[in-house]
C-alpha cells in the first residue's frame, strides 16, 4: 500500500470488522494470500485496489466471497523513527 503506508510502519487494525461491508482499507486473506488493500464494493463483487501503481487492481466476484477471511480494517499507521 505504498505510498499510503510505508515499510516499517505499524498499522492499526480494527479487528471488529469480520466482513467487508464498507469501502475502506482492509487486511484480508484471499486464496491463501494476505493483502492490505483498498476495497470498493461494486455491483459484481469487490474491487481490490492498491495505492502502489506497480500492482494492478482486481475483482473478487460475489460467488467467491466464501474464500475471503477478513482480519480487520486498517485505521491508521505509526511511523517508527528509532531512538
PDB file of N, CA and C in Angstrom:
ATOM      1  N   UNK A   1       0.822  -1.209   0.000  1.00  0.00           N
ATOM      2  CA  UNK A   1       0.000   0.000   0.000  1.00  0.00           C
ATOM      3  C   UNK A   1       0.860   1.266   0.000  1.00  0.00           C
ATOM      4  N   UNK A   2       2.112   1.103  -0.357  1.00  0.00           N
ATOM      5  CA  UNK A   2       2.971   2.271  -0.529  1.00  0.00           C
ATOM      6  C   UNK A   2       2.379   3.131  -1.645  1.00  0.00           C
ATOM      7  N   UNK A   3       2.282   4.391  -1.553  1.00  0.00           N
ATOM      8  CA  UNK A   3       2.904   5.292  -0.589  1.00  0.00           C
ATOM      9  C   UNK A   3       2.035   5.629   0.626  1.00  0.00           C
ATOM     10  N   UNK A   4       0.802   5.109   0.690  1.00  0.00           N
ATOM     11  CA  UNK A   4      -0.059   5.415   1.835  1.00  0.00           C
ATOM     12  C   UNK A   4       0.553   4.897   3.126  1.00  0.00           C
ATOM     13  N   UNK A   5       1.014   3.649   3.094  1.00  0.00           N
ATOM     14  CA  UNK A   5       1.695   3.049   4.241  1.00  0.00           C
ATOM     15  C   UNK A   5       3.084   2.637   3.788  1.00  0.00           C
ATOM     16  N   UNK A   6       4.074   2.927   4.619  1.00  0.00           N
ATOM     17  CA  UNK A   6       5.461   2.675   4.242  1.00  0.00           C
ATOM     18  C   UNK A   6       6.034   1.486   4.997  1.00  0.00           C
ATOM     19  N   UNK A   7       7.032   0.874   4.410  1.00  0.00           N
ATOM     20  CA  UNK A   7       7.715  -0.255   5.020  1.00  0.00           C
ATOM     21  C   UNK A   7       8.215   0.121   6.418  1.00  0.00           C
ATOM     22  N   UNK A   8       7.935  -0.705   7.393  1.00  0.00           N
ATOM     23  CA  UNK A   8       8.375  -0.456   8.762  1.00  0.00           C
ATOM     24  C   UNK A   8       7.360   0.242   9.640  1.00  0.00           C
ATOM     25  N   UNK A   9       6.288   0.775   9.059  1.00  0.00           N
ATOM     26  CA  UNK A   9       5.264   1.417   9.872  1.00  0.00           C
ATOM     27  C   UNK A   9       4.416   0.361  10.585  1.00  0.00           C
ATOM     28  N   UNK A  10       3.925   0.734  11.756  1.00  0.00           N
ATOM     29  CA  UNK A  10       2.993  -0.119  12.489  1.00  0.00           C
ATOM     30  C   UNK A  10       1.588   0.267  12.071  1.00  0.00           C
ATOM     31  N   UNK A  11       0.813  -0.713  11.629  1.00  0.00           N
ATOM     32  CA  UNK A  11      -0.553  -0.447  11.204  1.00  0.00           C
ATOM     33  C   UNK A  11      -1.528  -0.767  12.332  1.00  0.00           C
ATOM     34  N   UNK A  12      -2.541   0.052  12.466  1.00  0.00           N
ATOM     35  CA  UNK A  12      -3.597  -0.170  13.439  1.00  0.00           C
ATOM     36  C   UNK A  12      -4.754  -0.872  12.743  1.00  0.00           C
ATOM     37  N   UNK A  13      -5.043  -2.092  13.189  1.00  0.00           N
ATOM     38  CA  UNK A  13      -6.075  -2.920  12.561  1.00  0.00           C
ATOM     39  C   UNK A  13      -7.259  -3.038  13.520  1.00  0.00           C
ATOM     40  N   UNK A  14      -8.418  -2.571  13.079  1.00  0.00           N
ATOM     41  CA  UNK A  14      -9.647  -2.702  13.858  1.00  0.00           C
ATOM     42  C   UNK A  14     -10.210  -4.090  13.599  1.00  0.00           C
ATOM     43  N   UNK A  15     -10.001  -4.999  14.550  1.00  0.00           N
ATOM     44  CA  UNK A  15     -10.411  -6.389  14.363  1.00  0.00           C
ATOM     45  C   UNK A  15     -11.914  -6.589  14.571  1.00  0.00           C
ATOM     46  N   UNK A  16     -12.641  -5.515  14.803  1.00  0.00           N
ATOM     47  CA  UNK A  16     -14.090  -5.584  14.919  1.00  0.00           C
ATOM     48  C   UNK A  16     -14.771  -5.798  13.573  1.00  0.00           C
ATOM     49  N   UNK A  17     -14.010  -5.733  12.497  1.00  0.00           N
ATOM     50  CA  UNK A  17     -14.564  -5.951  11.158  1.00  0.00           C
ATOM     51  C   UNK A  17     -14.232  -7.360  10.710  1.00  0.00           C
ATOM     52  N   UNK A  18     -15.253  -8.184  10.514  1.00  0.00           N
ATOM     53  CA  UNK A  18     -15.040  -9.541  10.010  1.00  0.00           C
ATOM     54  C   UNK A  18     -15.648  -9.715   8.626  1.00  0.00           C
ATOM     55  N   UNK A  19     -16.278  -8.654   8.127  1.00  0.00           N
ATOM     56  CA  UNK A  19     -16.851  -8.632   6.783  1.00  0.00           C
ATOM     57  C   UNK A  19     -16.514  -7.298   6.134  1.00  0.00           C
ATOM     58  N   UNK A  20     -16.511  -7.298   4.823  1.00  0.00           N
ATOM     59  CA  UNK A  20     -16.283  -6.052   4.086  1.00  0.00           C
ATOM     60  C   UNK A  20     -17.650  -5.489   3.728  1.00  0.00           C
ATOM     61  N   UNK A  21     -18.134  -4.577   4.569  1.00  0.00           N
ATOM     62  CA  UNK A  21     -19.450  -4.002   4.333  1.00  0.00           C
ATOM     63  C   UNK A  21     -19.400  -2.491   4.153  1.00  0.00           C
ATOM     64  N   UNK A  22     -18.179  -1.928   4.094  1.00  0.00           N
ATOM     65  CA  UNK A  22     -17.978  -0.524   3.762  1.00  0.00           C
ATOM     66  C   UNK A  22     -16.750  -0.442   2.857  1.00  0.00           C
ATOM     67  N   UNK A  23     -16.606   0.658   2.149  1.00  0.00           N
ATOM     68  CA  UNK A  23     -15.418   0.885   1.335  1.00  0.00           C
ATOM     69  C   UNK A  23     -14.327   1.440   2.248  1.00  0.00           C
ATOM     70  N   UNK A  24     -13.199   0.728   2.330  1.00  0.00           N
ATOM     71  CA  UNK A  24     -12.106   1.131   3.212  1.00  0.00           C
ATOM     72  C   UNK A  24     -10.877   0.293   2.878  1.00  0.00           C
ATOM     73  N   UNK A  25      -9.815   0.474   3.669  1.00  0.00           N
ATOM     74  CA  UNK A  25      -8.610  -0.348   3.535  1.00  0.00           C
ATOM     75  C   UNK A  25      -8.733  -1.496   4.534  1.00  0.00           C
ATOM     76  N   UNK A  26      -8.598  -2.718   4.041  1.00  0.00           N
ATOM     77  CA  UNK A  26      -8.759  -3.912   4.860  1.00  0.00           C
ATOM     78  C   UNK A  26      -7.521  -4.794   4.791  1.00  0.00           C
ATOM     79  N   UNK A  27      -7.340  -5.570   5.849  1.00  0.00           N
ATOM     80  CA  UNK A  27      -6.376  -6.665   5.847  1.00  0.00           C
ATOM     81  C   UNK A  27      -7.200  -7.940   5.750  1.00  0.00           C
ATOM     82  N   UNK A  28      -6.914  -8.734   4.718  1.00  0.00           N
ATOM     83  CA  UNK A  28      -7.702  -9.934   4.493  1.00  0.00           C
ATOM     84  C   UNK A  28      -6.866 -11.003   3.793  1.00  0.00           C
ATOM     85  N   UNK A  29      -7.368 -12.230   3.845  1.00  0.00           N
ATOM     86  CA  UNK A  29      -6.749 -13.337   3.128  1.00  0.00           C
ATOM     87  C   UNK A  29      -7.700 -13.772   2.025  1.00  0.00           C
ATOM     88  N   UNK A  30      -7.130 -14.001   0.850  1.00  0.00           N
ATOM     89  CA  UNK A  30      -7.900 -14.493  -0.284  1.00  0.00           C
ATOM     90  C   UNK A  30      -7.053 -15.504  -1.034  1.00  0.00           C
ATOM     91  N   UNK A  31      -7.564 -16.713  -1.123  1.00  0.00           N
ATOM     92  CA  UNK A  31      -6.870 -17.805  -1.811  1.00  0.00           C
ATOM     93  C   UNK A  31      -5.443 -18.001  -1.302  1.00  0.00           C
ATOM     94  N   UNK A  32      -5.293 -17.957   0.023  1.00  0.00           N
ATOM     95  CA  UNK A  32      -4.010 -18.238   0.654  1.00  0.00           C
ATOM     96  C   UNK A  32      -3.036 -17.083   0.703  1.00  0.00           C
ATOM     97  N   UNK A  33      -3.383 -15.934   0.141  1.00  0.00           N
ATOM     98  CA  UNK A  33      -2.513 -14.752   0.155  1.00  0.00           C
ATOM     99  C   UNK A  33      -3.109 -13.696   1.083  1.00  0.00           C
ATOM    100  N   UNK A  34      -2.249 -13.041   1.863  1.00  0.00           N
ATOM    101  CA  UNK A  34      -2.693 -11.971   2.753  1.00  0.00           C
ATOM    102  C   UNK A  34      -2.477 -10.634   2.052  1.00  0.00           C
ATOM    103  N   UNK A  35      -3.482  -9.802   2.110  1.00  0.00           N
ATOM    104  CA  UNK A  35      -3.447  -8.497   1.450  1.00  0.00           C
ATOM    105  C   UNK A  35      -3.788  -7.387   2.429  1.00  0.00           C
ATOM    106  N   UNK A  36      -3.224  -6.218   2.197  1.00  0.00           N
ATOM    107  CA  UNK A  36      -3.688  -4.966   2.796  1.00  0.00           C
ATOM    108  C   UNK A  36      -3.973  -4.074   1.597  1.00  0.00           C
ATOM    109  N   UNK A  37      -5.254  -3.898   1.313  1.00  0.00           N
ATOM    110  CA  UNK A  37      -5.674  -3.213   0.089  1.00  0.00           C
ATOM    111  C   UNK A  37      -6.905  -2.361   0.337  1.00  0.00           C
ATOM    112  N   UNK A  38      -7.061  -1.388  -0.514  1.00  0.00           N
ATOM    113  CA  UNK A  38      -8.269  -0.577  -0.539  1.00  0.00           C
ATOM    114  C   UNK A  38      -9.352  -1.415  -1.220  1.00  0.00           C
ATOM    115  N   UNK A  39     -10.522  -1.498  -0.612  1.00  0.00           N
ATOM    116  CA  UNK A  39     -11.600  -2.330  -1.149  1.00  0.00           C
ATOM    117  C   UNK A  39     -12.808  -1.447  -1.424  1.00  0.00           C
ATOM    118  N   UNK A  40     -13.308  -1.572  -2.647  1.00  0.00           N
ATOM    119  CA  UNK A  40     -14.503  -0.831  -3.044  1.00  0.00           C
ATOM    120  C   UNK A  40     -15.574  -1.834  -3.448  1.00  0.00           C
ATOM    121  N   UNK A  41     -16.753  -1.685  -2.870  1.00  0.00           N
ATOM    122  CA  UNK A  41     -17.871  -2.552  -3.228  1.00  0.00           C
ATOM    123  C   UNK A  41     -18.437  -2.109  -4.572  1.00  0.00           C
ATOM    124  N   UNK A  42     -18.591  -3.050  -5.494  1.00  0.00           N
ATOM    125  CA  UNK A  42     -19.160  -2.780  -6.809  1.00  0.00           C
ATOM    126  C   UNK A  42     -20.280  -3.794  -7.050  1.00  0.00           C
ATOM    127  N   UNK A  43     -21.143  -3.563  -8.044  1.00  0.00           N
ATOM    128  CA  UNK A  43     -22.273  -4.479  -8.251  1.00  0.00           C
ATOM    129  C   UNK A  43     -21.878  -5.942  -8.451  1.00  0.00           C
ATOM    130  N   UNK A  44     -20.748  -6.200  -9.103  1.00  0.00           N
ATOM    131  CA  UNK A  44     -20.334  -7.577  -9.396  1.00  0.00           C
ATOM    132  C   UNK A  44     -19.557  -8.247  -8.267  1.00  0.00           C
ATOM    133  N   UNK A  45     -19.124  -7.477  -7.264  1.00  0.00           N
ATOM    134  CA  UNK A  45     -18.317  -8.042  -6.186  1.00  0.00           C
ATOM    135  C   UNK A  45     -17.518  -6.977  -5.477  1.00  0.00           C
ATOM    136  N   UNK A  46     -16.228  -7.244  -5.307  1.00  0.00           N
ATOM    137  CA  UNK A  46     -15.328  -6.314  -4.625  1.00  0.00           C
ATOM    138  C   UNK A  46     -14.182  -5.944  -5.559  1.00  0.00           C
ATOM    139  N   UNK A  47     -13.920  -4.655  -5.677  1.00  0.00           N
ATOM    140  CA  UNK A  47     -12.782  -4.177  -6.447  1.00  0.00           C
ATOM    141  C   UNK A  47     -11.630  -3.983  -5.467  1.00  0.00           C
ATOM    142  N   UNK A  48     -10.513  -4.667  -5.705  1.00  0.00           N
ATOM    143  CA  UNK A  48      -9.356  -4.624  -4.827  1.00  0.00           C
ATOM    144  C   UNK A  48      -8.339  -3.686  -5.464  1.00  0.00           C
ATOM    145  N   UNK A  49      -7.999  -2.609  -4.752  1.00  0.00           N
ATOM    146  CA  UNK A  49      -7.185  -1.538  -5.309  1.00  0.00           C
ATOM    147  C   UNK A  49      -5.919  -1.362  -4.472  1.00  0.00           C
ATOM    148  N   UNK A  50      -4.786  -1.275  -5.141  1.00  0.00           N
ATOM    149  CA  UNK A  50      -3.528  -0.978  -4.469  1.00  0.00           C
ATOM    150  C   UNK A  50      -3.174   0.475  -4.714  1.00  0.00           C
ATOM    151  N   UNK A  51      -2.715   1.167  -3.693  1.00  0.00           N
ATOM    152  CA  UNK A  51      -2.250   2.539  -3.874  1.00  0.00           C
ATOM    153  C   UNK A  51      -0.906   2.559  -4.599  1.00  0.00           C
ATOM    154  N   UNK A  52      -0.188   1.425  -4.564  1.00  0.00           N
ATOM    155  CA  UNK A  52       1.089   1.289  -5.254  1.00  0.00           C
ATOM    156  C   UNK A  52       0.789   0.990  -6.723  1.00  0.00           C
ATOM    157  N   UNK A  53       1.224   1.858  -7.624  1.00  0.00           N
ATOM    158  CA  UNK A  53       0.917   1.717  -9.044  1.00  0.00           C
ATOM    159  C   UNK A  53       1.612   0.520  -9.694  1.00  0.00           C
ATOM    160  N   UNK A  54       2.511  -0.147  -8.977  1.00  0.00           N
ATOM    161  CA  UNK A  54       3.158  -1.347  -9.513  1.00  0.00           C
ATOM    162  C   UNK A  54       2.201  -2.539  -9.557  1.00  0.00           C
ATOM    163  N   UNK A  55       1.107  -2.460  -8.812  1.00  0.00           N
ATOM    164  CA  UNK A  55       0.160  -3.564  -8.709  1.00  0.00           C
ATOM    165  C   UNK A  55      -1.164  -3.189  -9.362  1.00  0.00           C
ATOM    166  N   UNK A  56      -1.704  -4.101 -10.146  1.00  0.00           N
ATOM    167  CA  UNK A  56      -2.982  -3.879 -10.812  1.00  0.00           C
ATOM    168  C   UNK A  56      -4.135  -4.188  -9.865  1.00  0.00           C
ATOM    169  N   UNK A  57      -5.235  -3.498 -10.089  1.00  0.00           N
ATOM    170  CA  UNK A  57      -6.437  -3.821  -9.322  1.00  0.00           C
ATOM    171  C   UNK A  57      -7.033  -5.115  -9.855  1.00  0.00           C
ATOM    172  N   UNK A  58      -7.822  -5.768  -9.001  1.00  0.00           N
ATOM    173  CA  UNK A  58      -8.511  -6.980  -9.431  1.00  0.00           C
ATOM    174  C   UNK A  58      -9.857  -7.050  -8.731  1.00  0.00           C
ATOM    175  N   UNK A  59     -10.702  -7.932  -9.228  1.00  0.00           N
ATOM    176  CA  UNK A  59     -12.052  -8.072  -8.693  1.00  0.00           C
ATOM    177  C   UNK A  59     -12.220  -9.439  -8.053  1.00  0.00           C
ATOM    178  N   UNK A  60     -12.876  -9.452  -6.900  1.00  0.00           N
ATOM    179  CA  UNK A  60     -13.303 -10.704  -6.283  1.00  0.00           C
ATOM    180  C   UNK A  60     -14.804 -10.800  -6.527  1.00  0.00           C
ATOM    181  N   UNK A  61     -15.228 -11.762  -7.357  1.00  0.00           N
ATOM    182  CA  UNK A  61     -16.659 -11.894  -7.654  1.00  0.00           C
ATOM    183  C   UNK A  61     -17.457 -12.331  -6.421  1.00  0.00           C
ATOM    184  N   UNK A  62     -18.713 -11.974  -6.387  1.00  0.00           N
ATOM    185  CA  UNK A  62     -19.596 -12.331  -5.273  1.00  0.00           C
ATOM    186  C   UNK A  62     -19.577 -13.825  -4.969  1.00  0.00           C
ATOM    187  N   UNK A  63     -19.508 -14.653  -5.999  1.00  0.00           N
ATOM    188  CA  UNK A  63     -19.534 -16.101  -5.778  1.00  0.00           C
ATOM    189  C   UNK A  63     -18.272 -16.620  -5.087  1.00  0.00           C
ATOM    190  N   UNK A  64     -17.252 -15.780  -4.949  1.00  0.00           N
ATOM    191  CA  UNK A  64     -16.014 -16.181  -4.271  1.00  0.00           C
ATOM    192  C   UNK A  64     -15.866 -15.574  -2.872  1.00  0.00           C
ATOM    193  N   UNK A  65     -16.897 -14.901  -2.373  1.00  0.00           N
ATOM    194  CA  UNK A  65     -16.817 -14.282  -1.049  1.00  0.00           C
ATOM    195  C   UNK A  65     -16.465 -15.301   0.033  1.00  0.00           C
ATOM    196  N   UNK A  66     -16.884 -16.544  -0.130  1.00  0.00           N
ATOM    197  CA  UNK A  66     -16.597 -17.572   0.875  1.00  0.00           C
ATOM    198  C   UNK A  66     -15.094 -17.840   1.006  1.00  0.00           C
ATOM    199  N   UNK A  67     -14.293 -17.369   0.051  1.00  0.00           N
ATOM    200  CA  UNK A  67     -12.845 -17.567   0.080  1.00  0.00           C
ATOM    201  C   UNK A  67     -12.103 -16.425   0.792  1.00  0.00           C
ATOM    202  N   UNK A  68     -12.834 -15.430   1.276  1.00  0.00           N
ATOM    203  CA  UNK A  68     -12.228 -14.268   1.926  1.00  0.00           C
ATOM    204  C   UNK A  68     -12.290 -14.437   3.441  1.00  0.00           C
ATOM    205  N   UNK A  69     -11.165 -14.213   4.100  1.00  0.00           N
ATOM    206  CA  UNK A  69     -11.130 -14.135   5.564  1.00  0.00           C
ATOM    207  C   UNK A  69     -10.646 -12.732   5.915  1.00  0.00           C
ATOM    208  N   UNK A  70     -11.509 -11.948   6.523  1.00  0.00           N
ATOM    209  CA  UNK A  70     -11.180 -10.569   6.880  1.00  0.00           C
ATOM    210  C   UNK A  70     -10.556 -10.545   8.267  1.00  0.00           C
ATOM    211  N   UNK A  71      -9.378  -9.942   8.376  1.00  0.00           N
ATOM    212  CA  UNK A  71      -8.703  -9.786   9.671  1.00  0.00           C
ATOM    213  C   UNK A  71      -9.090  -8.475  10.337  1.00  0.00           C
ATOM    214  N   UNK A  72      -9.434  -7.461   9.533  1.00  0.00           N
ATOM    215  CA  UNK A  72      -9.854  -6.189  10.098  1.00  0.00           C
ATOM    216  C   UNK A  72      -9.674  -5.044   9.124  1.00  0.00           C
ATOM    217  N   UNK A  73     -10.118  -3.875   9.566  1.00  0.00           N
ATOM    218  CA  UNK A  73      -9.990  -2.643   8.772  1.00  0.00           C
ATOM    219  C   UNK A  73      -8.789  -1.857   9.272  1.00  0.00           C
ATOM    220  N   UNK A  74      -8.010  -1.326   8.363  1.00  0.00           N
ATOM    221  CA  UNK A  74      -6.850  -0.513   8.730  1.00  0.00           C
ATOM    222  C   UNK A  74      -7.333   0.888   9.107  1.00  0.00           C
ATOM    223  N   UNK A  75      -6.978   1.319  10.313  1.00  0.00           N
ATOM    224  CA  UNK A  75      -7.421   2.624  10.804  1.00  0.00           C
ATOM    225  C   UNK A  75      -6.331   3.687  10.773  1.00  0.00           C
ATOM    226  N   UNK A  76      -5.087   3.286  10.556  1.00  0.00           N
ATOM    227  CA  UNK A  76      -4.009   4.265  10.529  1.00  0.00           C
ATOM    228  C   UNK A  76      -2.671   3.584  10.694  1.00  0.00           C
ATOM    229  N   UNK A  77      -1.638   4.415  10.765  1.00  0.00           N
ATOM    230  CA  UNK A  77      -0.275   3.888  10.871  1.00  0.00           C
ATOM    231  C   UNK A  77       0.547   4.777  11.788  1.00  0.00           C
ATOM    232  N   UNK A  78       1.566   4.177  12.352  1.00  0.00           N
ATOM    233  CA  UNK A  78       2.507   4.880  13.210  1.00  0.00           C
ATOM    234  C   UNK A  78       3.907   4.620  12.667  1.00  0.00           C
ATOM    235  N   UNK A  79       4.600   5.689  12.312  1.00  0.00           N
ATOM    236  CA  UNK A  79       5.944   5.545  11.791  1.00  0.00           C
ATOM    237  C   UNK A  79       6.939   5.440  12.931  1.00  0.00           C
ATOM    238  N   UNK A  80       7.800   4.443  12.878  1.00  0.00           N
ATOM    239  CA  UNK A  80       8.834   4.256  13.890  1.00  0.00           C
ATOM    240  C   UNK A  80      10.124   4.875  13.399  1.00  0.00           C
ATOM    241  N   UNK A  81      10.658   5.833  14.163  1.00  0.00           N
ATOM    242  CA  UNK A  81      11.870   6.526  13.748  1.00  0.00           C
ATOM    243  C   UNK A  81      13.098   6.092  14.531  1.00  0.00           C
ATOM    244  N   UNK A  82      12.914   5.187  15.482  1.00  0.00           N
ATOM    245  CA  UNK A  82      14.044   4.702  16.274  1.00  0.00           C
ATOM    246  C   UNK A  82      14.416   5.664  17.391  1.00  0.00           C
ATOM    247  N   UNK A  83      15.474   5.303  18.081  1.00  0.00           N
ATOM    248  CA  UNK A  83      15.921   6.118  19.212  1.00  0.00           C
ATOM    249  C   UNK A  83      17.160   6.891  18.878  1.00  0.00           C
TER     250      UNK A  83
END
